[in-house]
Each structure stands twice: as structure tokens, then as C-alpha cells.
Amino acid sequence: MGLLEDKVVLVNGGSQGVGAGIVRAAVREGATVVFTGRRADVGEKLAADTGAHFIRADLSDAAQARDSVVQTVDTYGRVDCLVNAAGLTSRGSLLDTTPELFDAHIAINLRAPFFSMQAAVADMVARKAPGTVVNVISSAQHGGQPFLAPYVTAKAGLAGLTRNAAHAHRWDRVRINGLNIGWTDTEGEDATQRAFHGAGDDWLEKAAASQPMGKIGQVDEIADFVVFLLSDRSGVVTGSVIDWDQIVFGGLD
């Protein structure tokens, strides 16, 4: 028996990167998986590779974020588990962030999780059934680099939302947790390093050498942890925002 046997799992932002890793891990663990993404070609390929069900959606639109849950329930009768994995990581400091960039970060990194959670938890409560939610947050929500001001703002809000919703729905047996992931090896991170930091082809090798564990975060390892949090094996844990990183926050040299 897989950890998610007979569960219906929705992964918002699941077409690439960490989200795609979670889709693969959830399928492997026996779940019926639905995932969203903006790019039809990428989403349809992952669906063909895994057997998961792809919904094309732009999560910056709150109505489409909610509708991802509605479509999942319409197709499979319920949603047992929700993962919010979509993330916008474009750069901006306090001094140069425009209102448009700020709004884009809030839309993807905070508003989309809020309204997809609203719809998913409403389904769980209406059925009087237990459920789980995992929000992929960021270790940057503790403060982050100066060039991540709008990103940190939104992710810190998501950490607060995770705790608030977990407290509100603990008696409904809906467990809601978050994962503060650190620097991670994804296609999106490769593009970000090249676009914003002038990185060359050897950036990943240099990044790995600069880290205590000799590597940056790996998608498959993060995905396995998310599956554990979604599953009954994580027991009664709710309202936890877990630092999944090799930085020890508060530690000083």
C-alpha cells in the first residue's frame, strides 16, 4: 500500500519543478492526482508520463485557483489533499519593486493558495471528512535577501495563513502544514540564476560546493517529505511550518 492509496490529490503549480516532483511522488504512492499549470505542452507531457490529470490554469486569477478544486471534485467526487506549489521568484527590492511586481507576487504566492485552500477545505468540511493541505513556502519568509522583498512579503503571509487555517479547522480534522524550502535545483531556478544573476553553465556546481551538505535542495527529496505530510503517517501534525533547509536560522559564526 502506498502512503496516499485511494486519496485524491490536487497539486496546484504541478507542471514543473518541485510541483512536478510532488505529482510523480503522489502517483507513485497510489494517489489519484490532478495538477495545474499554465503551459499546456508541459502539463500534457507530464500527464502522459504519469497518468495524472492536467488542468490548464492561470493561478494569478483567484477564480481559476478556486476552479481547480471545483474541477477536481466534479471529476473525482472529492479532494482529500491539496498542495500549493506554484511560486513566482522574480526579483525586486524595497526600493525598486513596482506595484505591478508586488501584485504579481501576492497573486501567485499568497492569493492563489488562499482561495484554493478555501475551496478545498470547504469540500472537506461539507463532507465531514478529514483532509490535508501542504503549502510549499520558502525559508526566505524568515527575512530573505534584499532582492526578494515582494517574494518574502507574500511567502511570510502564506506561513501565517498556514497556521491560521490549521487552527481554524483542527476540529474538522483538516491538517494544514507548510514547508520552508531553501535553495533548490529546479528548471525555474536555473532560469532565475541566468536571468537575474548572470550565472553560467557551472552555476549549479559552484552552488553545491558552497553549501554544507555539498548540494542544494533536491526535488525528489522535497517531494517525498510533502507526501509524508499529506499522508496519515504524519499523524496529528498540523499548523507546523517546517524549515527544510541546511541553513540553521538563528545560528551565527
Protein backbone atom coordinates (compact mmCIF):
# COMPACT_ATOMS: atom_id res chain seq x y z
CA MET A 1 0.00 0.00 0.00
CA GLY A 2 1.29 3.42 -0.93
CA LEU A 3 1.19 6.31 1.51
CA LEU A 4 -1.58 8.01 -0.49
CA GLU A 5 -3.56 4.98 -1.60
CA ASP A 6 -7.18 5.90 -2.50
CA LYS A 7 -6.54 9.63 -1.97
CA VAL A 8 -7.48 12.34 -4.48
CA VAL A 9 -4.62 14.84 -4.52
CA LEU A 10 -4.60 18.25 -6.23
CA VAL A 11 -1.21 19.86 -6.84
CA ASN A 12 -1.53 23.49 -7.85
CA GLY A 13 1.56 24.57 -9.76
CA GLY A 14 2.42 20.97 -10.57
CA SER A 15 3.65 21.07 -14.14
CA GLN A 16 7.35 21.62 -13.42
CA GLY A 17 9.95 21.95 -10.68
CA VAL A 18 9.02 20.98 -7.13
CA GLY A 19 5.35 20.69 -8.08
CA ALA A 20 6.09 18.15 -10.81
CA GLY A 21 8.20 16.16 -8.37
CA ILE A 22 5.26 16.07 -5.97
CA VAL A 23 2.95 14.89 -8.76
CA ARG A 24 5.30 12.00 -9.55
CA ALA A 25 5.74 11.07 -5.88
CA ALA A 26 1.99 11.17 -5.18
CA VAL A 27 1.24 8.96 -8.20
CA ARG A 28 3.93 6.53 -7.06
CA GLU A 29 2.29 6.39 -3.61
CA GLY A 30 -1.06 5.36 -5.03
CA ALA A 31 -2.96 8.66 -5.28
CA THR A 32 -5.31 9.84 -7.98
CA VAL A 33 -3.54 13.07 -8.90
CA VAL A 34 -4.76 16.27 -10.52
CA PHE A 35 -2.35 19.12 -11.20
CA THR A 36 -2.45 22.59 -12.71
CA GLY A 37 -0.08 24.65 -14.80
CA ARG A 38 -0.11 27.47 -17.31
CA ARG A 39 1.75 25.74 -20.15
CA ALA A 40 -0.34 23.15 -21.93
CA ASP A 41 2.59 21.42 -23.66
CA VAL A 42 4.50 20.87 -20.40
CA GLY A 43 1.40 19.84 -18.47
CA GLU A 44 0.17 17.41 -21.09
CA LYS A 45 3.58 15.73 -21.29
CA LEU A 46 3.72 15.21 -17.52
CA ALA A 47 0.16 13.89 -17.59
CA ALA A 48 1.09 11.40 -20.31
CA ASP A 49 4.20 10.32 -18.39
CA THR A 50 2.45 9.84 -15.03
CA GLY A 51 -1.23 9.19 -15.68
CA ALA A 52 -2.15 12.26 -13.64
CA HIS A 53 -4.93 14.60 -14.80
CA PHE A 54 -3.84 18.03 -16.06
CA ILE A 55 -5.89 21.22 -15.74
CA ARG A 56 -4.59 24.27 -17.55
CA ALA A 57 -4.97 27.23 -15.20
CA ASP A 58 -3.51 30.65 -14.51
CA LEU A 59 -3.42 30.76 -10.72
CA SER A 60 -2.91 34.52 -10.66
CA ASP A 61 -6.67 34.59 -11.30
CA ALA A 62 -8.36 33.72 -7.99
CA ALA A 63 -11.37 32.31 -9.84
CA GLN A 64 -9.16 29.82 -11.67
CA ALA A 65 -7.43 28.85 -8.42
CA ARG A 66 -10.81 28.06 -6.87
CA ASP A 67 -11.99 26.36 -10.04
CA SER A 68 -9.09 23.91 -9.94
CA VAL A 69 -10.71 22.45 -6.83
CA VAL A 70 -14.20 22.56 -8.36
CA GLN A 71 -13.00 20.66 -11.44
CA THR A 72 -11.23 18.08 -9.26
CA VAL A 73 -14.39 17.50 -7.20
CA ASP A 74 -16.56 17.37 -10.32
CA THR A 75 -14.29 14.74 -11.88
CA TYR A 76 -13.39 12.57 -8.88
CA GLY A 77 -16.10 13.36 -6.32
CA ARG A 78 -13.85 14.95 -3.71
CA VAL A 79 -10.44 16.36 -2.88
CA ASP A 80 -8.58 14.70 0.00
CA CYS A 81 -5.25 16.50 -0.24
CA LEU A 82 -4.15 19.86 -1.63
CA VAL A 83 -0.62 21.05 -2.35
CA ASN A 84 0.08 24.67 -3.18
CA ALA A 85 3.39 24.51 -5.05
CA ALA A 86 3.16 27.41 -7.52
CA GLY A 87 5.72 30.12 -6.97
CA LEU A 88 6.86 33.35 -8.58
CA THR A 89 10.50 34.19 -7.79
CA SER A 90 11.18 37.31 -9.89
CA ARG A 91 13.41 39.83 -8.15
CA GLY A 92 12.65 43.16 -6.52
CA SER A 93 13.95 45.16 -3.57
CA LEU A 94 12.07 47.50 -1.25
CA LEU A 95 13.26 50.46 -3.33
CA ASP A 96 12.71 49.20 -6.87
CA THR A 97 9.61 46.98 -6.64
CA THR A 98 6.74 48.35 -8.69
CA PRO A 99 3.10 47.96 -7.68
CA GLU A 100 2.69 45.61 -10.64
CA LEU A 101 5.52 43.31 -9.48
CA PHE A 102 4.22 43.40 -5.90
CA ASP A 103 0.71 42.47 -7.04
CA ALA A 104 2.06 39.63 -9.20
CA HIS A 105 3.82 38.09 -6.20
CA ILE A 106 0.76 38.42 -3.99
CA ALA A 107 -1.43 36.89 -6.69
CA ILE A 108 0.66 33.74 -7.22
CA ASN A 109 2.39 33.26 -3.87
CA LEU A 110 -0.45 34.17 -1.50
CA ARG A 111 -3.84 34.82 -3.08
CA ALA A 112 -3.88 31.61 -5.16
CA PRO A 113 -3.12 29.38 -2.14
CA PHE A 114 -5.72 31.24 -0.07
CA PHE A 115 -8.58 30.67 -2.49
CA SER A 116 -7.64 27.13 -3.48
CA MET A 117 -7.48 26.29 0.24
CA GLN A 118 -10.83 27.98 0.75
CA ALA A 119 -12.44 25.73 -1.88
CA ALA A 120 -10.66 22.53 -0.83
CA VAL A 121 -11.36 22.92 2.89
CA ALA A 122 -14.98 23.78 2.12
CA ASP A 123 -15.28 20.44 0.30
CA MET A 124 -13.70 18.55 3.21
CA VAL A 125 -15.91 20.27 5.79
CA ALA A 126 -19.07 19.74 3.74
CA ARG A 127 -18.32 16.00 3.55
CA LYS A 128 -17.31 15.89 7.23
CA ALA A 129 -14.16 14.14 6.06
CA PRO A 130 -10.55 14.58 7.16
CA GLY A 131 -8.08 16.11 4.73
CA THR A 132 -4.59 17.51 4.43
CA VAL A 133 -3.02 20.60 2.88
CA VAL A 134 0.67 21.31 2.36
CA ASN A 135 1.83 24.78 1.35
CA VAL A 136 5.25 25.00 -0.26
CA ILE A 137 6.57 28.20 1.29
CA SER A 138 10.24 29.30 1.46
CA SER A 139 12.95 29.69 4.05
CA ALA A 140 13.16 33.26 2.72
CA GLN A 141 9.95 34.03 4.62
CA HIS A 142 12.16 34.45 7.71
CA GLY A 143 13.71 37.56 6.10
CA GLY A 144 15.42 36.64 2.87
CA GLN A 145 17.78 38.59 0.66
CA PRO A 146 17.22 42.28 -0.12
CA PHE A 147 16.34 41.47 -3.74
CA LEU A 148 13.42 39.25 -2.66
CA ALA A 149 11.24 41.89 -0.97
CA PRO A 150 7.87 41.16 -2.67
CA TYR A 151 8.52 37.40 -2.65
CA VAL A 152 9.31 37.42 1.08
CA THR A 153 6.24 39.53 1.78
CA ALA A 154 3.95 37.03 0.08
CA LYS A 155 5.62 33.91 1.47
CA ALA A 156 5.59 35.27 5.02
CA GLY A 157 1.88 35.85 4.55
CA LEU A 158 1.47 32.25 3.40
CA ALA A 159 3.23 31.00 6.53
CA GLY A 160 0.80 32.99 8.67
CA LEU A 161 -2.15 31.75 6.66
CA THR A 162 -0.99 28.16 7.12
CA ARG A 163 -1.06 28.50 10.92
CA ASN A 164 -4.32 30.42 10.95
CA ALA A 165 -6.19 27.94 8.76
CA ALA A 166 -4.75 24.96 10.64
CA HIS A 167 -6.00 26.40 13.93
CA ALA A 168 -9.41 27.24 12.47
CA HIS A 169 -10.01 23.76 11.08
CA ARG A 170 -8.29 21.43 13.54
CA TRP A 171 -11.66 20.24 14.89
CA ASP A 172 -12.70 19.45 11.32
CA ARG A 173 -9.69 17.08 11.21
CA VAL A 174 -8.21 19.07 8.35
CA ARG A 175 -4.44 19.19 8.85
CA ILE A 176 -2.61 22.11 7.23
CA ASN A 177 1.19 22.37 7.23
CA GLY A 178 3.87 24.29 5.39
CA LEU A 179 7.38 23.58 4.17
CA ASN A 180 10.01 26.33 4.10
CA ILE A 181 12.20 25.04 1.30
CA GLY A 182 15.62 26.53 0.67
CA TRP A 183 17.74 26.88 -2.47
CA THR A 184 16.55 24.10 -4.80
CA ASP A 185 17.74 22.58 -8.05
CA THR A 186 14.87 23.20 -10.49
CA GLU A 187 14.40 24.37 -14.07
CA GLY A 188 12.98 27.60 -12.73
CA GLU A 189 16.00 28.22 -10.51
CA ASP A 190 18.30 27.67 -13.47
CA ALA A 191 16.38 30.29 -15.46
CA THR A 192 16.38 32.68 -12.50
CA GLN A 193 20.13 32.37 -11.94
CA ARG A 194 20.83 33.07 -15.60
CA ALA A 195 18.31 35.91 -15.98
CA PHE A 196 18.93 37.81 -12.74
CA HIS A 197 22.43 36.85 -11.61
CA GLY A 198 24.40 36.35 -14.82
CA ALA A 199 25.07 32.71 -13.99
CA GLY A 200 26.99 30.48 -16.38
CA ASP A 201 26.69 26.78 -17.09
CA ASP A 202 28.68 25.93 -13.97
CA TRP A 203 26.42 27.79 -11.50
CA LEU A 204 24.93 24.60 -10.04
CA GLU A 205 28.34 23.05 -9.39
CA LYS A 206 29.50 26.25 -7.66
CA ALA A 207 26.28 26.49 -5.67
CA ALA A 208 26.62 22.90 -4.45
CA ALA A 209 30.21 23.47 -3.38
CA SER A 210 29.14 26.49 -1.32
CA GLN A 211 26.62 24.50 0.77
CA PRO A 212 27.27 22.47 3.96
CA MET A 213 25.79 19.27 2.50
CA GLY A 214 27.59 19.62 -0.83
CA LYS A 215 24.37 20.09 -2.77
CA ILE A 216 21.38 22.38 -2.92
CA GLY A 217 17.86 21.07 -2.32
CA GLN A 218 16.72 18.16 -4.46
CA VAL A 219 13.20 17.98 -5.86
CA ASP A 220 12.70 14.27 -5.17
CA GLU A 221 13.69 14.67 -1.52
CA ILE A 222 11.28 17.58 -1.04
CA ALA A 223 8.51 15.66 -2.83
CA ASP A 224 8.92 12.67 -0.52
CA PHE A 225 8.60 14.94 2.52
CA VAL A 226 5.46 16.58 1.13
CA VAL A 227 3.90 13.16 0.50
CA PHE A 228 4.68 12.21 4.10
CA LEU A 229 2.94 15.36 5.38
CA LEU A 230 -0.08 14.66 3.17
CA SER A 231 -0.34 11.09 4.40
CA ASP A 232 -1.75 9.61 7.58
CA ARG A 233 1.82 8.68 8.57
CA SER A 234 2.38 12.28 9.69
CA GLY A 235 -0.16 11.64 12.41
CA VAL A 236 -1.70 14.60 14.22
CA VAL A 237 0.74 17.23 12.97
CA THR A 238 -0.98 20.45 11.93
CA GLY A 239 -0.07 24.14 11.89
CA SER A 240 3.62 23.35 11.52
CA VAL A 241 5.77 25.45 9.20
CA ILE A 242 8.89 23.34 8.86
CA ASP A 243 12.30 24.65 7.84
CA TRP A 244 13.52 22.26 5.15
CA ASP A 245 16.95 23.73 4.61
CA GLN A 246 20.62 23.43 5.55
CA ILE A 247 20.69 26.94 6.95
CA VAL A 248 20.23 26.98 10.72
CA PHE A 249 18.14 30.05 11.36
CA GLY A 250 19.45 31.98 14.33
CA GLY A 251 22.86 30.30 14.12
CA LEU A 252 25.88 32.59 13.88
CA ASP A 253 29.55 32.08 13.03
